[in-house]
């Protein structure tokens, strides 16, 4: 349970506010440091660096096998927040439900953890309106900032990322 809590707190730690496509286009250092998914790998490694500090490591009392298992759960669940994996995760869970849920199987437990983590990552729509609105506008600020950067570098930019198109946001959500 602690591993899931730490993963949920850390799943966006050190996020650059830019998407992976942009980071690759401008050859950001992170893309040379990590394999795909670059941003999620960065979150995992930043979390692990924080946990190396004895003042922050709430797992320091565990034996080496249990500690490795905790780190594996943190890594797997943070990586599961990659939106490119969302459809695959839903398909896996659908298959598990259709064939019979057996929580004794590790892949079933991991699939459930991954889907729960994705749901938590995307749950701003379930917040009170004022909180939801703030989250969404924060995300759009990031999107528009990236759009501004892409335009300044001469990178072809999707319309929904252009600040000038802010009034058309609902049109892009179809």
N, C-alpha and C. Protein backbone atom coordinates (compact mmCIF):
# COMPACT_ATOMS: atom_id res chain seq x y z
N UNK A 1 0.83 -1.19 0.00
CA UNK A 1 0.00 0.00 0.00
C UNK A 1 0.88 1.26 0.00
N UNK A 2 1.95 1.24 0.82
CA UNK A 2 2.85 2.41 0.85
C UNK A 2 3.47 2.66 -0.52
N UNK A 3 3.82 1.57 -1.22
CA UNK A 3 4.43 1.72 -2.55
C UNK A 3 3.48 2.44 -3.50
N UNK A 4 2.20 2.09 -3.45
CA UNK A 4 1.22 2.74 -4.32
C UNK A 4 1.04 4.20 -3.93
N UNK A 5 1.07 4.47 -2.64
CA UNK A 5 0.94 5.87 -2.19
C UNK A 5 2.12 6.70 -2.68
N UNK A 6 3.33 6.17 -2.51
CA UNK A 6 4.52 6.91 -2.95
C UNK A 6 4.49 7.08 -4.47
N UNK A 7 4.09 6.04 -5.20
CA UNK A 7 4.01 6.14 -6.66
C UNK A 7 3.00 7.20 -7.07
N UNK A 8 1.86 7.25 -6.39
CA UNK A 8 0.85 8.23 -6.78
C UNK A 8 1.30 9.65 -6.48
N UNK A 9 2.05 9.83 -5.41
CA UNK A 9 2.59 11.15 -5.08
C UNK A 9 3.69 11.54 -6.07
N UNK A 10 4.46 10.56 -6.49
CA UNK A 10 5.67 10.81 -7.30
C UNK A 10 5.45 10.71 -8.80
N UNK A 11 4.27 10.34 -9.25
CA UNK A 11 4.12 9.98 -10.66
C UNK A 11 4.38 11.14 -11.62
N UNK A 12 4.39 12.37 -11.16
CA UNK A 12 4.72 13.50 -12.03
C UNK A 12 5.88 14.33 -11.47
N UNK A 13 6.62 13.80 -10.51
CA UNK A 13 7.71 14.56 -9.90
C UNK A 13 8.77 14.89 -10.97
N UNK A 14 9.17 16.14 -11.00
CA UNK A 14 10.18 16.57 -11.96
C UNK A 14 9.67 16.70 -13.38
N UNK A 15 8.36 16.77 -13.55
CA UNK A 15 7.79 16.86 -14.90
C UNK A 15 8.20 18.18 -15.54
N UNK A 16 8.72 18.12 -16.78
CA UNK A 16 9.19 19.36 -17.41
C UNK A 16 8.07 20.22 -17.99
N UNK A 17 6.82 19.73 -17.96
CA UNK A 17 5.72 20.51 -18.52
C UNK A 17 5.69 20.50 -20.04
N UNK A 18 6.37 19.53 -20.62
CA UNK A 18 6.45 19.37 -22.08
C UNK A 18 6.19 17.90 -22.39
N UNK A 19 5.64 17.62 -23.57
CA UNK A 19 5.39 16.21 -23.86
C UNK A 19 6.63 15.54 -24.46
N UNK A 20 6.56 14.23 -24.52
CA UNK A 20 7.72 13.46 -24.95
C UNK A 20 8.09 13.73 -26.41
N UNK A 21 7.09 13.94 -27.23
CA UNK A 21 7.33 14.25 -28.65
C UNK A 21 8.19 15.50 -28.78
N UNK A 22 7.85 16.54 -28.03
CA UNK A 22 8.63 17.78 -28.07
C UNK A 22 10.06 17.53 -27.58
N UNK A 23 10.19 16.82 -26.47
CA UNK A 23 11.52 16.57 -25.91
C UNK A 23 12.42 15.86 -26.92
N UNK A 24 11.82 14.95 -27.68
CA UNK A 24 12.60 14.24 -28.71
C UNK A 24 12.93 15.15 -29.88
N UNK A 25 12.00 16.00 -30.29
CA UNK A 25 12.24 16.90 -31.41
C UNK A 25 13.38 17.87 -31.14
N UNK A 26 13.48 18.34 -29.88
CA UNK A 26 14.54 19.30 -29.56
C UNK A 26 15.76 18.61 -28.94
N UNK A 27 15.74 17.29 -28.94
CA UNK A 27 16.84 16.48 -28.42
C UNK A 27 17.23 16.85 -27.00
N UNK A 28 16.22 16.95 -26.16
CA UNK A 28 16.42 17.27 -24.75
C UNK A 28 17.31 16.21 -24.08
N UNK A 29 18.07 16.63 -23.10
CA UNK A 29 18.96 15.72 -22.38
C UNK A 29 18.22 14.50 -21.83
N UNK A 30 16.99 14.69 -21.37
CA UNK A 30 16.23 13.56 -20.81
C UNK A 30 16.08 12.43 -21.83
N UNK A 31 15.95 12.77 -23.11
CA UNK A 31 15.78 11.73 -24.13
C UNK A 31 17.05 10.94 -24.36
N UNK A 32 18.19 11.50 -23.96
CA UNK A 32 19.45 10.76 -24.05
C UNK A 32 19.73 9.98 -22.78
N UNK A 33 19.07 10.36 -21.70
CA UNK A 33 19.29 9.69 -20.42
C UNK A 33 18.41 8.46 -20.22
N UNK A 34 17.20 8.49 -20.78
CA UNK A 34 16.21 7.45 -20.49
C UNK A 34 15.66 6.82 -21.76
N UNK A 35 15.27 5.55 -21.60
CA UNK A 35 14.54 4.86 -22.66
C UNK A 35 13.09 5.30 -22.61
N UNK A 36 12.32 4.86 -23.62
CA UNK A 36 10.88 5.15 -23.63
C UNK A 36 10.19 4.36 -22.52
N UNK A 37 9.23 4.90 -21.90
CA UNK A 37 8.74 6.26 -21.98
C UNK A 37 9.64 7.20 -21.18
N UNK A 38 10.21 8.18 -21.84
CA UNK A 38 11.22 9.06 -21.27
C UNK A 38 10.73 9.78 -20.02
N UNK A 39 9.58 10.42 -20.10
CA UNK A 39 9.11 11.24 -18.98
C UNK A 39 8.80 10.37 -17.77
N UNK A 40 8.16 9.23 -17.98
CA UNK A 40 7.84 8.35 -16.85
C UNK A 40 9.11 7.76 -16.24
N UNK A 41 10.10 7.45 -17.08
CA UNK A 41 11.39 6.97 -16.56
C UNK A 41 12.04 8.05 -15.68
N UNK A 42 11.91 9.29 -16.12
CA UNK A 42 12.44 10.41 -15.34
C UNK A 42 11.74 10.50 -13.98
N UNK A 43 10.42 10.35 -13.98
CA UNK A 43 9.67 10.38 -12.70
C UNK A 43 10.14 9.26 -11.78
N UNK A 44 10.30 8.07 -12.34
CA UNK A 44 10.74 6.91 -11.54
C UNK A 44 12.11 7.18 -10.93
N UNK A 45 13.05 7.61 -11.76
CA UNK A 45 14.41 7.83 -11.27
C UNK A 45 14.48 8.97 -10.25
N UNK A 46 13.69 10.00 -10.45
CA UNK A 46 13.65 11.10 -9.48
C UNK A 46 13.09 10.60 -8.15
N UNK A 47 12.04 9.80 -8.22
CA UNK A 47 11.47 9.20 -7.00
C UNK A 47 12.52 8.35 -6.28
N UNK A 48 13.23 7.52 -7.04
CA UNK A 48 14.26 6.65 -6.44
C UNK A 48 15.40 7.48 -5.82
N UNK A 49 15.76 8.59 -6.47
CA UNK A 49 16.78 9.46 -5.89
C UNK A 49 16.33 10.03 -4.54
N UNK A 50 15.08 10.43 -4.47
CA UNK A 50 14.53 10.96 -3.22
C UNK A 50 14.53 9.87 -2.15
N UNK A 51 14.16 8.65 -2.54
CA UNK A 51 14.11 7.55 -1.58
C UNK A 51 15.50 7.13 -1.10
N UNK A 52 16.54 7.48 -1.84
CA UNK A 52 17.90 7.15 -1.40
C UNK A 52 18.31 7.98 -0.19
N UNK A 53 17.67 9.11 0.01
CA UNK A 53 17.94 9.94 1.19
C UNK A 53 17.28 9.26 2.38
N UNK A 54 18.05 8.89 3.36
CA UNK A 54 17.55 8.14 4.51
C UNK A 54 16.44 8.89 5.24
N UNK A 55 16.43 10.21 5.14
CA UNK A 55 15.37 11.00 5.79
C UNK A 55 14.05 10.89 5.05
N UNK A 56 14.10 10.43 3.80
CA UNK A 56 12.89 10.33 2.97
C UNK A 56 12.48 8.89 2.70
N UNK A 57 13.33 7.93 3.03
CA UNK A 57 13.06 6.55 2.66
C UNK A 57 12.20 5.86 3.71
N UNK A 58 10.90 5.83 3.47
CA UNK A 58 9.99 5.20 4.41
C UNK A 58 10.04 3.67 4.31
N UNK A 59 10.86 3.16 3.40
CA UNK A 59 10.98 1.72 3.22
C UNK A 59 12.31 1.18 3.75
N UNK A 60 13.08 2.01 4.44
CA UNK A 60 14.44 1.61 4.84
C UNK A 60 14.46 0.44 5.83
N UNK A 61 13.33 0.14 6.46
CA UNK A 61 13.29 -0.97 7.41
C UNK A 61 13.01 -2.31 6.74
N UNK A 62 12.81 -2.33 5.44
CA UNK A 62 12.51 -3.57 4.72
C UNK A 62 13.78 -4.33 4.39
N UNK A 63 13.65 -5.64 4.28
CA UNK A 63 14.75 -6.47 3.81
C UNK A 63 14.96 -6.22 2.32
N UNK A 64 16.08 -6.71 1.78
CA UNK A 64 16.42 -6.39 0.39
C UNK A 64 15.40 -6.93 -0.61
N UNK A 65 14.85 -8.11 -0.40
CA UNK A 65 13.85 -8.65 -1.34
C UNK A 65 12.56 -7.84 -1.31
N UNK A 66 12.10 -7.49 -0.11
CA UNK A 66 10.89 -6.68 0.01
C UNK A 66 11.11 -5.27 -0.55
N UNK A 67 12.30 -4.72 -0.31
CA UNK A 67 12.63 -3.39 -0.83
C UNK A 67 12.61 -3.40 -2.36
N UNK A 68 13.20 -4.45 -2.95
CA UNK A 68 13.20 -4.57 -4.42
C UNK A 68 11.76 -4.67 -4.93
N UNK A 69 10.92 -5.42 -4.26
CA UNK A 69 9.51 -5.55 -4.66
C UNK A 69 8.80 -4.20 -4.61
N UNK A 70 9.05 -3.42 -3.56
CA UNK A 70 8.45 -2.08 -3.44
C UNK A 70 8.89 -1.19 -4.60
N UNK A 71 10.19 -1.20 -4.90
CA UNK A 71 10.70 -0.38 -6.00
C UNK A 71 10.10 -0.83 -7.33
N UNK A 72 9.93 -2.15 -7.51
CA UNK A 72 9.31 -2.66 -8.73
C UNK A 72 7.87 -2.18 -8.87
N UNK A 73 7.13 -2.17 -7.77
CA UNK A 73 5.74 -1.70 -7.79
C UNK A 73 5.70 -0.21 -8.12
N UNK A 74 6.57 0.56 -7.50
CA UNK A 74 6.63 2.00 -7.78
C UNK A 74 6.93 2.24 -9.25
N UNK A 75 7.95 1.55 -9.77
CA UNK A 75 8.34 1.71 -11.17
C UNK A 75 7.19 1.33 -12.11
N UNK A 76 6.60 0.17 -11.89
CA UNK A 76 5.53 -0.31 -12.76
C UNK A 76 4.33 0.63 -12.75
N UNK A 77 3.96 1.11 -11.58
CA UNK A 77 2.76 1.96 -11.50
C UNK A 77 3.01 3.36 -12.04
N UNK A 78 4.19 3.91 -11.82
CA UNK A 78 4.50 5.22 -12.41
C UNK A 78 4.55 5.10 -13.93
N UNK A 79 5.18 4.05 -14.45
CA UNK A 79 5.24 3.86 -15.90
C UNK A 79 3.85 3.67 -16.50
N UNK A 80 2.92 3.15 -15.70
CA UNK A 80 1.57 2.91 -16.20
C UNK A 80 0.78 4.19 -16.44
N UNK A 81 1.30 5.34 -15.99
CA UNK A 81 0.59 6.60 -16.23
C UNK A 81 0.85 7.16 -17.63
N UNK A 82 1.67 6.48 -18.41
CA UNK A 82 1.92 6.88 -19.79
C UNK A 82 0.62 6.70 -20.57
N UNK A 83 0.10 7.79 -21.10
CA UNK A 83 -1.19 7.74 -21.82
C UNK A 83 -1.16 6.82 -23.03
N UNK A 84 0.02 6.57 -23.58
CA UNK A 84 0.12 5.66 -24.73
C UNK A 84 -0.27 4.23 -24.33
N UNK A 85 -0.20 3.92 -23.04
CA UNK A 85 -0.51 2.57 -22.56
C UNK A 85 -1.96 2.42 -22.10
N UNK A 86 -2.72 3.49 -22.09
CA UNK A 86 -4.07 3.46 -21.53
C UNK A 86 -4.97 2.43 -22.21
N UNK A 87 -5.00 2.46 -23.53
CA UNK A 87 -5.87 1.53 -24.27
C UNK A 87 -5.46 0.08 -24.00
N UNK A 88 -4.17 -0.18 -24.01
CA UNK A 88 -3.67 -1.53 -23.74
C UNK A 88 -4.06 -1.98 -22.33
N UNK A 89 -3.95 -1.09 -21.36
CA UNK A 89 -4.32 -1.44 -19.99
C UNK A 89 -5.80 -1.78 -19.88
N UNK A 90 -6.63 -1.01 -20.56
CA UNK A 90 -8.08 -1.29 -20.55
C UNK A 90 -8.37 -2.64 -21.20
N UNK A 91 -7.69 -2.92 -22.31
CA UNK A 91 -7.89 -4.21 -22.99
C UNK A 91 -7.44 -5.37 -22.10
N UNK A 92 -6.30 -5.22 -21.43
CA UNK A 92 -5.84 -6.26 -20.50
C UNK A 92 -6.86 -6.52 -19.40
N UNK A 93 -7.37 -5.43 -18.81
CA UNK A 93 -8.33 -5.59 -17.73
C UNK A 93 -9.63 -6.21 -18.25
N UNK A 94 -10.06 -5.82 -19.43
CA UNK A 94 -11.27 -6.41 -20.01
C UNK A 94 -11.08 -7.91 -20.19
N UNK A 95 -9.92 -8.32 -20.67
CA UNK A 95 -9.63 -9.74 -20.84
C UNK A 95 -9.63 -10.46 -19.49
N UNK A 96 -9.05 -9.86 -18.50
CA UNK A 96 -9.01 -10.46 -17.16
C UNK A 96 -10.43 -10.65 -16.63
N UNK A 97 -11.25 -9.64 -16.78
CA UNK A 97 -12.63 -9.71 -16.29
C UNK A 97 -13.40 -10.79 -17.05
N UNK A 98 -13.21 -10.85 -18.36
CA UNK A 98 -13.92 -11.83 -19.18
C UNK A 98 -13.50 -13.26 -18.90
N UNK A 99 -12.23 -13.45 -18.54
CA UNK A 99 -11.72 -14.81 -18.31
C UNK A 99 -11.73 -15.22 -16.85
N UNK A 100 -12.11 -14.32 -15.98
CA UNK A 100 -12.17 -14.63 -14.56
C UNK A 100 -11.06 -13.97 -13.78
N UNK A 101 -11.45 -13.16 -12.83
CA UNK A 101 -10.48 -12.42 -12.02
C UNK A 101 -9.95 -13.33 -10.91
N UNK A 102 -8.65 -13.51 -10.90
CA UNK A 102 -8.00 -14.32 -9.86
C UNK A 102 -6.87 -13.48 -9.26
N UNK A 103 -7.15 -12.89 -8.11
CA UNK A 103 -6.18 -11.98 -7.49
C UNK A 103 -4.94 -12.69 -6.98
N UNK A 104 -4.91 -14.01 -7.04
CA UNK A 104 -3.69 -14.74 -6.65
C UNK A 104 -2.63 -14.60 -7.73
N UNK A 105 -3.05 -14.23 -8.94
CA UNK A 105 -2.11 -14.08 -10.06
C UNK A 105 -1.51 -12.68 -10.05
N UNK A 106 -0.20 -12.64 -10.10
CA UNK A 106 0.51 -11.36 -10.03
C UNK A 106 0.13 -10.43 -11.18
N UNK A 107 -0.02 -10.95 -12.39
CA UNK A 107 -0.36 -10.09 -13.53
C UNK A 107 -1.74 -9.45 -13.36
N UNK A 108 -2.64 -10.14 -12.67
CA UNK A 108 -3.96 -9.57 -12.41
C UNK A 108 -3.83 -8.41 -11.42
N UNK A 109 -3.07 -8.63 -10.34
CA UNK A 109 -2.86 -7.57 -9.36
C UNK A 109 -2.15 -6.38 -9.99
N UNK A 110 -1.13 -6.65 -10.81
CA UNK A 110 -0.40 -5.56 -11.46
C UNK A 110 -1.28 -4.79 -12.44
N UNK A 111 -2.13 -5.49 -13.18
CA UNK A 111 -3.04 -4.82 -14.12
C UNK A 111 -4.00 -3.91 -13.37
N UNK A 112 -4.50 -4.38 -12.25
CA UNK A 112 -5.41 -3.57 -11.45
C UNK A 112 -4.70 -2.35 -10.88
N UNK A 113 -3.48 -2.53 -10.37
CA UNK A 113 -2.70 -1.40 -9.85
C UNK A 113 -2.45 -0.36 -10.95
N UNK A 114 -2.08 -0.85 -12.13
CA UNK A 114 -1.79 0.06 -13.25
C UNK A 114 -3.03 0.84 -13.65
N UNK A 115 -4.16 0.18 -13.73
CA UNK A 115 -5.39 0.86 -14.12
C UNK A 115 -5.85 1.84 -13.04
N UNK A 116 -5.67 1.47 -11.78
CA UNK A 116 -6.02 2.40 -10.69
C UNK A 116 -5.14 3.63 -10.74
N UNK A 117 -3.86 3.45 -11.02
CA UNK A 117 -2.93 4.57 -11.10
C UNK A 117 -3.30 5.50 -12.25
N UNK A 118 -3.65 4.91 -13.39
CA UNK A 118 -4.07 5.72 -14.54
C UNK A 118 -5.34 6.49 -14.19
N UNK A 119 -6.28 5.84 -13.53
CA UNK A 119 -7.54 6.50 -13.16
C UNK A 119 -7.27 7.67 -12.21
N UNK A 120 -6.38 7.46 -11.27
CA UNK A 120 -6.04 8.56 -10.34
C UNK A 120 -5.38 9.71 -11.07
N UNK A 121 -4.53 9.38 -12.06
CA UNK A 121 -3.84 10.42 -12.82
C UNK A 121 -4.82 11.25 -13.64
N UNK A 122 -5.89 10.64 -14.10
CA UNK A 122 -6.84 11.32 -14.99
C UNK A 122 -8.12 11.76 -14.30
N UNK A 123 -8.14 11.76 -12.98
CA UNK A 123 -9.41 11.94 -12.25
C UNK A 123 -9.82 13.39 -12.00
N UNK A 124 -9.15 14.35 -12.59
CA UNK A 124 -9.51 15.74 -12.27
C UNK A 124 -10.96 16.05 -12.60
N UNK A 125 -11.53 15.33 -13.53
CA UNK A 125 -12.93 15.55 -13.90
C UNK A 125 -13.91 15.22 -12.78
N UNK A 126 -13.45 14.51 -11.78
CA UNK A 126 -14.31 14.13 -10.65
C UNK A 126 -14.18 15.09 -9.48
N UNK A 127 -13.37 16.10 -9.63
CA UNK A 127 -13.19 17.08 -8.55
C UNK A 127 -14.29 18.13 -8.61
N UNK A 128 -14.40 18.89 -7.54
CA UNK A 128 -15.34 20.02 -7.57
C UNK A 128 -14.97 20.92 -8.75
N UNK A 129 -15.98 21.61 -9.29
CA UNK A 129 -15.79 22.40 -10.50
C UNK A 129 -14.62 23.37 -10.39
N UNK A 130 -14.53 24.11 -9.28
CA UNK A 130 -13.47 25.10 -9.17
C UNK A 130 -12.08 24.44 -9.19
N UNK A 131 -11.95 23.28 -8.55
CA UNK A 131 -10.68 22.56 -8.56
C UNK A 131 -10.39 22.00 -9.96
N UNK A 132 -11.41 21.41 -10.55
CA UNK A 132 -11.26 20.84 -11.89
C UNK A 132 -10.83 21.92 -12.89
N UNK A 133 -11.49 23.06 -12.83
CA UNK A 133 -11.18 24.16 -13.73
C UNK A 133 -9.72 24.60 -13.57
N UNK A 134 -9.25 24.70 -12.33
CA UNK A 134 -7.86 25.09 -12.09
C UNK A 134 -6.88 24.06 -12.65
N UNK A 135 -7.19 22.79 -12.48
CA UNK A 135 -6.32 21.73 -13.02
C UNK A 135 -6.27 21.83 -14.54
N UNK A 136 -7.43 21.95 -15.15
CA UNK A 136 -7.50 21.99 -16.62
C UNK A 136 -6.76 23.22 -17.16
N UNK A 137 -6.96 24.38 -16.53
CA UNK A 137 -6.26 25.58 -17.01
C UNK A 137 -4.76 25.47 -16.80
N UNK A 138 -4.33 24.81 -15.74
CA UNK A 138 -2.89 24.58 -15.54
C UNK A 138 -2.34 23.71 -16.67
N UNK A 139 -3.10 22.69 -17.05
CA UNK A 139 -2.67 21.83 -18.15
C UNK A 139 -2.61 22.62 -19.47
N UNK A 140 -3.63 23.45 -19.71
CA UNK A 140 -3.61 24.23 -20.94
C UNK A 140 -2.48 25.25 -20.95
N UNK A 141 -2.12 25.78 -19.80
CA UNK A 141 -0.96 26.69 -19.76
C UNK A 141 0.29 25.95 -20.23
N UNK A 142 0.45 24.69 -19.75
CA UNK A 142 1.59 23.88 -20.19
C UNK A 142 1.52 23.63 -21.69
N UNK A 143 0.34 23.27 -22.17
CA UNK A 143 0.16 22.99 -23.60
C UNK A 143 0.50 24.22 -24.43
N UNK A 144 -0.03 25.37 -24.03
CA UNK A 144 0.24 26.60 -24.79
C UNK A 144 1.71 27.02 -24.69
N UNK A 145 2.33 26.83 -23.53
CA UNK A 145 3.76 27.15 -23.40
C UNK A 145 4.58 26.28 -24.35
N UNK A 146 4.23 24.99 -24.42
CA UNK A 146 4.94 24.13 -25.35
C UNK A 146 4.68 24.58 -26.78
N UNK A 147 3.44 24.93 -27.09
CA UNK A 147 3.12 25.43 -28.43
C UNK A 147 3.95 26.65 -28.78
N UNK A 148 4.08 27.57 -27.82
CA UNK A 148 4.90 28.76 -28.04
C UNK A 148 6.35 28.38 -28.37
N UNK A 149 6.87 27.41 -27.61
CA UNK A 149 8.26 26.97 -27.84
C UNK A 149 8.40 26.33 -29.22
N UNK A 150 7.42 25.48 -29.58
CA UNK A 150 7.49 24.82 -30.88
C UNK A 150 7.47 25.85 -32.01
N UNK A 151 6.61 26.84 -31.90
CA UNK A 151 6.54 27.88 -32.92
C UNK A 151 7.88 28.62 -33.00
N UNK A 152 8.47 28.94 -31.84
CA UNK A 152 9.74 29.68 -31.85
C UNK A 152 10.89 28.86 -32.45
N UNK A 153 10.79 27.52 -32.40
CA UNK A 153 11.82 26.66 -33.00
C UNK A 153 11.48 26.26 -34.43
N UNK A 154 10.32 26.74 -34.92
CA UNK A 154 9.92 26.41 -36.28
C UNK A 154 9.40 24.99 -36.42
N UNK A 155 8.94 24.41 -35.32
CA UNK A 155 8.39 23.06 -35.34
C UNK A 155 6.90 23.15 -35.68
N UNK A 156 6.44 22.27 -36.56
CA UNK A 156 5.01 22.24 -36.90
C UNK A 156 4.23 21.90 -35.63
N UNK A 157 3.28 22.77 -35.31
CA UNK A 157 2.57 22.68 -34.03
C UNK A 157 1.09 22.37 -34.25
N UNK A 158 0.56 21.37 -33.55
CA UNK A 158 -0.87 21.07 -33.66
C UNK A 158 -1.71 22.29 -33.25
N UNK A 159 -2.83 22.48 -33.92
CA UNK A 159 -3.68 23.64 -33.66
C UNK A 159 -4.09 23.78 -32.21
N UNK A 160 -4.37 22.66 -31.55
CA UNK A 160 -4.85 22.74 -30.16
C UNK A 160 -3.78 23.24 -29.19
N UNK A 161 -2.53 23.32 -29.65
CA UNK A 161 -1.45 23.78 -28.79
C UNK A 161 -1.11 25.26 -29.01
N UNK A 162 -1.82 25.89 -29.92
CA UNK A 162 -1.57 27.29 -30.21
C UNK A 162 -2.43 28.18 -29.32
N UNK A 163 -1.78 29.07 -28.63
CA UNK A 163 -2.47 29.98 -27.71
C UNK A 163 -3.57 30.77 -28.41
N UNK A 164 -3.35 31.12 -29.66
CA UNK A 164 -4.33 31.89 -30.42
C UNK A 164 -5.64 31.12 -30.63
N UNK A 165 -5.60 29.82 -30.46
CA UNK A 165 -6.79 28.98 -30.65
C UNK A 165 -7.47 28.61 -29.33
N UNK A 166 -7.16 29.31 -28.26
CA UNK A 166 -7.71 28.96 -26.94
C UNK A 166 -9.23 28.93 -26.93
N UNK A 167 -9.86 29.82 -27.71
CA UNK A 167 -11.33 29.85 -27.71
C UNK A 167 -11.93 28.61 -28.37
N UNK A 168 -11.11 27.85 -29.09
CA UNK A 168 -11.60 26.66 -29.79
C UNK A 168 -11.36 25.37 -29.01
N UNK A 169 -10.97 25.47 -27.75
CA UNK A 169 -10.67 24.28 -26.95
C UNK A 169 -11.78 23.23 -27.04
N UNK A 170 -13.05 23.59 -26.89
CA UNK A 170 -14.09 22.54 -26.96
C UNK A 170 -14.09 21.79 -28.29
N UNK A 171 -13.76 22.48 -29.38
CA UNK A 171 -13.73 21.85 -30.70
C UNK A 171 -12.68 20.74 -30.75
N UNK A 172 -11.55 20.93 -30.05
CA UNK A 172 -10.45 19.95 -30.09
C UNK A 172 -10.71 18.75 -29.19
N UNK A 173 -11.72 18.80 -28.37
CA UNK A 173 -11.98 17.71 -27.42
C UNK A 173 -12.93 16.66 -27.98
N UNK A 174 -13.25 16.72 -29.22
CA UNK A 174 -14.15 15.74 -29.82
C UNK A 174 -13.48 14.43 -30.05
